[in-house]
């Protein structure tokens, strides 16, 4: 499930509420029975700065043995002497990969991710994406990385306080289908404006207060101009 919406609409706050880092001012939520939850953002990575990469993972999955632990780390692109790097010396991308590796190893049934691809290089993004594709549990993620969303999404939750009476809408569809439907709505709005004698342009749709078009622009930029 990917949560979409404009900056400041409350996406990250929602994740913090779901993980107990903030308290909601109304409403309730409940997890399914026996859920094991992992949480990741750029600030909270739950890594011991004094450990090496190998020590950090081996301390969790020691029953796997050294060979299997190194094989797992290799799947996250920690190869050869990389496993002996001190965590304090890891790059942002390496820290992200290691954090997700730990959550997979800990067999979390639900992983909650807040902008996991921020500041990652292309290789680290691809490794993270492939690891999450292999993950068998549930993912709830906030991201503005449309390629990452397109690759992994199977459900969308869009937050929009102006567009929906309940401030959000759930879509049981992939990101590609969601965007196709959004583009169709944009087209229909412009056609309607033309029939009213207006320009039918992107700018005119904005003037008419079309939040659907505005969101499309925020997601795709020039593709909606």
Protein backbone atom coordinates (compact mmCIF):
# COMPACT_ATOMS: atom_id res chain seq x y z
CA UNK A 1 0.00 0.00 0.00
CA UNK A 2 1.43 3.37 -1.03
CA UNK A 3 0.13 6.56 0.57
CA UNK A 4 0.00 9.51 -1.81
CA UNK A 5 -0.77 13.18 -1.30
CA UNK A 6 0.68 16.66 -1.43
CA UNK A 7 3.41 17.80 0.95
CA UNK A 8 2.07 18.61 4.39
CA UNK A 9 -1.13 16.58 4.08
CA UNK A 10 -0.15 14.25 6.94
CA UNK A 11 1.36 11.17 5.26
CA UNK A 12 4.39 10.89 7.54
CA UNK A 13 2.32 11.82 10.58
CA UNK A 14 -0.01 8.92 9.78
CA UNK A 15 2.94 6.51 9.74
CA UNK A 16 4.20 7.87 13.05
CA UNK A 17 0.76 7.34 14.57
CA UNK A 18 0.63 3.78 13.24
CA UNK A 19 4.01 3.05 14.84
CA UNK A 20 3.26 4.75 18.16
CA UNK A 21 5.65 7.65 17.64
CA UNK A 22 2.81 10.16 17.78
CA UNK A 23 -0.65 10.05 19.35
CA UNK A 24 -3.70 10.74 17.19
CA UNK A 25 -6.15 13.43 18.30
CA UNK A 26 -9.15 11.37 17.21
CA UNK A 27 -10.07 8.00 15.76
CA UNK A 28 -8.71 4.53 16.46
CA UNK A 29 -6.80 1.83 14.61
CA UNK A 30 -6.08 -1.81 15.31
CA UNK A 31 -3.52 -4.22 13.93
CA UNK A 32 -4.30 -7.79 12.98
CA UNK A 33 -3.47 -10.59 15.39
CA UNK A 34 0.21 -11.22 16.16
CA UNK A 35 1.62 -8.61 13.79
CA UNK A 36 5.37 -7.99 13.93
CA UNK A 37 6.03 -4.44 12.74
CA UNK A 38 9.20 -2.91 11.31
CA UNK A 39 9.57 0.83 10.72
CA UNK A 40 12.11 2.73 8.64
CA UNK A 41 12.80 6.36 7.90
CA UNK A 42 15.97 8.34 7.26
CA UNK A 43 16.29 9.38 10.90
CA UNK A 44 15.31 6.15 12.69
CA UNK A 45 17.31 3.24 11.34
CA UNK A 46 17.92 1.34 14.59
CA UNK A 47 21.54 0.55 13.84
CA UNK A 48 24.32 0.09 16.40
CA UNK A 49 27.07 2.45 15.31
CA UNK A 50 29.69 0.33 17.10
CA UNK A 51 28.97 -2.82 15.08
CA UNK A 52 30.24 -3.93 11.72
CA UNK A 53 27.69 -4.80 9.04
CA UNK A 54 28.26 -8.50 9.67
CA UNK A 55 27.94 -8.17 13.44
CA UNK A 56 24.70 -6.20 13.14
CA UNK A 57 23.00 -8.91 11.11
CA UNK A 58 24.68 -11.94 12.71
CA UNK A 59 23.53 -10.80 16.15
CA UNK A 60 19.95 -11.15 14.95
CA UNK A 61 20.19 -14.26 12.80
CA UNK A 62 23.05 -16.16 14.40
CA UNK A 63 21.11 -19.41 14.00
CA UNK A 64 21.59 -19.01 10.25
CA UNK A 65 25.31 -19.49 10.57
CA UNK A 66 28.02 -17.31 9.11
CA UNK A 67 27.73 -18.52 5.52
CA UNK A 68 23.98 -17.91 5.24
CA UNK A 69 24.33 -14.55 6.94
CA UNK A 70 26.90 -13.45 4.38
CA UNK A 71 24.72 -14.79 1.57
CA UNK A 72 21.82 -12.69 2.85
CA UNK A 73 24.05 -9.63 3.07
CA UNK A 74 25.27 -10.25 -0.46
CA UNK A 75 21.65 -10.06 -1.67
CA UNK A 76 21.68 -6.50 -0.29
CA UNK A 77 25.00 -5.87 -2.08
CA UNK A 78 27.27 -6.20 0.95
CA UNK A 79 29.94 -8.28 -0.74
CA UNK A 80 33.45 -9.28 0.31
CA UNK A 81 35.07 -6.87 2.74
CA UNK A 82 31.93 -4.69 2.75
CA UNK A 83 30.60 -6.88 5.58
CA UNK A 84 33.44 -5.72 7.82
CA UNK A 85 32.67 -2.03 7.41
CA UNK A 86 31.79 -0.15 10.58
CA UNK A 87 28.19 1.04 10.56
CA UNK A 88 29.39 4.50 11.57
CA UNK A 89 31.20 4.72 8.20
CA UNK A 90 28.33 3.58 5.99
CA UNK A 91 26.79 5.83 3.34
CA UNK A 92 23.11 6.73 3.41
CA UNK A 93 22.33 4.08 0.81
CA UNK A 94 24.25 1.39 2.66
CA UNK A 95 22.48 2.25 5.92
CA UNK A 96 19.09 2.02 4.20
CA UNK A 97 19.91 -1.38 2.71
CA UNK A 98 21.16 -2.70 6.04
CA UNK A 99 18.07 -1.48 7.89
CA UNK A 100 15.72 -3.20 5.44
CA UNK A 101 17.88 -6.33 5.56
CA UNK A 102 17.45 -6.46 9.34
CA UNK A 103 13.67 -6.13 9.09
CA UNK A 104 13.48 -8.95 6.55
CA UNK A 105 15.67 -11.14 8.75
CA UNK A 106 13.57 -10.38 11.83
CA UNK A 107 10.58 -11.71 9.88
CA UNK A 108 8.48 -8.62 10.36
CA UNK A 109 5.02 -9.28 8.98
CA UNK A 110 4.44 -5.57 8.30
CA UNK A 111 7.09 -3.10 7.14
CA UNK A 112 6.29 0.62 7.30
CA UNK A 113 8.56 2.84 5.22
CA UNK A 114 8.78 6.63 5.13
CA UNK A 115 10.54 7.90 1.99
CA UNK A 116 12.95 4.94 1.85
CA UNK A 117 14.58 5.98 -1.43
CA UNK A 118 15.47 9.53 -0.37
CA UNK A 119 19.17 10.25 -0.98
CA UNK A 120 19.82 6.76 -2.38
CA UNK A 121 21.87 6.28 -5.54
CA UNK A 122 20.39 4.33 -8.45
CA UNK A 123 22.09 1.06 -7.51
CA UNK A 124 20.88 1.25 -3.91
CA UNK A 125 17.33 2.00 -5.08
CA UNK A 126 17.33 -1.02 -7.36
CA UNK A 127 18.67 -3.29 -4.61
CA UNK A 128 16.05 -2.02 -2.16
CA UNK A 129 13.30 -2.42 -4.75
CA UNK A 130 14.30 -6.00 -5.53
CA UNK A 131 14.53 -6.91 -1.84
CA UNK A 132 11.03 -5.58 -1.21
CA UNK A 133 9.69 -7.48 -4.22
CA UNK A 134 10.96 -10.69 -2.60
CA UNK A 135 9.51 -9.78 0.80
CA UNK A 136 6.46 -11.89 1.63
CA UNK A 137 4.76 -9.58 4.15
CA UNK A 138 2.77 -6.36 3.92
CA UNK A 139 4.31 -3.00 3.07
CA UNK A 140 2.90 0.44 3.90
CA UNK A 141 4.99 3.14 2.29
CA UNK A 142 5.11 6.89 1.77
CA UNK A 143 7.18 7.87 -1.24
CA UNK A 144 7.41 10.54 -3.94
CA UNK A 145 9.55 8.28 -6.14
CA UNK A 146 7.10 7.42 -8.91
CA UNK A 147 9.30 4.70 -10.41
CA UNK A 148 9.61 3.02 -7.02
CA UNK A 149 5.84 3.31 -6.47
CA UNK A 150 5.04 1.99 -9.95
CA UNK A 151 7.29 -1.02 -9.44
CA UNK A 152 5.85 -2.13 -6.09
CA UNK A 153 2.34 -0.76 -5.60
CA UNK A 154 -0.75 -2.96 -5.57
CA UNK A 155 -2.95 -0.57 -3.56
CA UNK A 156 -3.11 3.23 -3.25
CA UNK A 157 -4.37 5.46 -0.44
CA UNK A 158 -4.67 9.05 -1.60
CA UNK A 159 -4.99 11.79 1.03
CA UNK A 160 -6.73 14.92 -0.22
CA UNK A 161 -8.72 17.02 2.22
CA UNK A 162 -10.34 19.09 -0.53
CA UNK A 163 -11.20 16.33 -2.96
CA UNK A 164 -12.74 13.74 -0.65
CA UNK A 165 -15.34 14.21 2.05
CA UNK A 166 -13.46 11.81 4.33
CA UNK A 167 -10.13 13.43 3.36
CA UNK A 168 -8.87 10.23 1.73
CA UNK A 169 -9.80 7.55 -0.79
CA UNK A 170 -8.59 3.98 -1.11
CA UNK A 171 -7.89 2.43 -4.51
CA UNK A 172 -7.43 -1.33 -4.88
CA UNK A 173 -5.27 -0.89 -7.96
CA UNK A 174 -1.68 -0.39 -9.04
CA UNK A 175 -0.08 3.01 -9.44
CA UNK A 176 -0.14 2.67 -13.23
CA UNK A 177 -3.91 2.19 -13.26
CA UNK A 178 -4.35 4.96 -10.72
CA UNK A 179 -2.42 7.42 -12.90
CA UNK A 180 -4.23 6.31 -16.08
CA UNK A 181 -7.54 7.07 -14.38
CA UNK A 182 -6.15 10.41 -13.17
CA UNK A 183 -5.10 11.34 -16.69
CA UNK A 184 -8.53 10.41 -18.03
CA UNK A 185 -10.15 12.69 -15.45
CA UNK A 186 -7.77 15.48 -16.46
CA UNK A 187 -8.74 14.99 -20.10
CA UNK A 188 -12.45 15.02 -19.29
CA UNK A 189 -12.10 18.23 -17.27
CA UNK A 190 -10.36 19.98 -20.18
CA UNK A 191 -13.03 18.74 -22.61
CA UNK A 192 -15.72 20.11 -20.32
CA UNK A 193 -13.96 23.46 -20.11
CA UNK A 194 -13.79 23.61 -23.89
CA UNK A 195 -17.50 22.93 -24.13
CA UNK A 196 -18.04 25.89 -21.77
CA UNK A 197 -16.04 28.13 -24.08
CA UNK A 198 -12.90 28.14 -21.92
CA UNK A 199 -9.38 27.39 -23.04
CA UNK A 200 -9.31 23.81 -21.85
CA UNK A 201 -5.74 24.37 -20.78
CA UNK A 202 -4.00 23.11 -17.70
CA UNK A 203 -3.99 26.63 -16.25
CA UNK A 204 -7.73 27.02 -16.82
CA UNK A 205 -8.40 23.74 -15.07
CA UNK A 206 -6.42 25.02 -12.11
CA UNK A 207 -8.47 28.23 -12.11
CA UNK A 208 -11.62 26.12 -12.04
CA UNK A 209 -10.37 24.55 -8.82
CA UNK A 210 -9.62 21.07 -10.12
CA UNK A 211 -7.70 19.36 -7.31
CA UNK A 212 -7.43 16.24 -9.44
CA UNK A 213 -5.37 18.13 -12.01
CA UNK A 214 -3.34 19.87 -9.32
CA UNK A 215 -2.38 16.53 -7.77
CA UNK A 216 -1.49 15.14 -11.17
CA UNK A 217 0.82 18.09 -11.70
CA UNK A 218 2.46 17.59 -8.32
CA UNK A 219 3.14 13.96 -9.15
CA UNK A 220 4.21 14.31 -12.77
CA UNK A 221 5.23 17.91 -13.27
CA UNK A 222 5.59 18.74 -16.97
CA UNK A 223 3.63 15.67 -18.08
CA UNK A 224 0.50 17.47 -16.95
CA UNK A 225 1.28 20.82 -18.60
